[in-house]
């Protein structure tokens, strides 16, 4: 199997898995679900296409070493936010499994005390790291669209969380910015 076949296979898997969730979002009118899975699909598309294709459109890259090094360094805070939020969503502060039936349990400590949407912040940082790593127009375009999707997903998730948690979440919004110290508030 050559690299183009690997890329096509990966893209089918990436868009198949995320496409299923995007369809679910449309079916149930969950805009946050649509945007974050579209952003995730774009994020993984950057990796698949940039890593596995030899098409000239995608292979035209800059090769600036300090940008690549900066990109690799940015994987650290990206992983911190992504895996920190996954851990906290899996286990609340009492180390109890957090399920849908426990929806009134607002997590506002750890990475959720730094940013209201640490996972989308982490994927945005990681997308920027990929842009710096690959240094191509293709990565730039997908980075911009993916971060836009993660931003809209964050806004839509805030709207849903206000419906679920009410005043408690509005207080949380006052204390914790959407994406950390990068205040992209509406």
Foldseek 3Di string as FASTA:
>chain_A
DALVVVLVVQLCVLCVVLVVQLVVCVVVVQLLSNLLSVLSSLLVNLVSPLVRDPPPQNQPFDDDPVLLVVLVVLLVQLCLLQVVVVVCQQAPPVRDGDDPVNLQDDHCDDSNVQAVRSNLLSSLSNLSSSCSNRHHPSSVVSSVSSNVSSVVSLVSVLVVNCVRHPPVSVVSCVRYAHNGPPRPDD
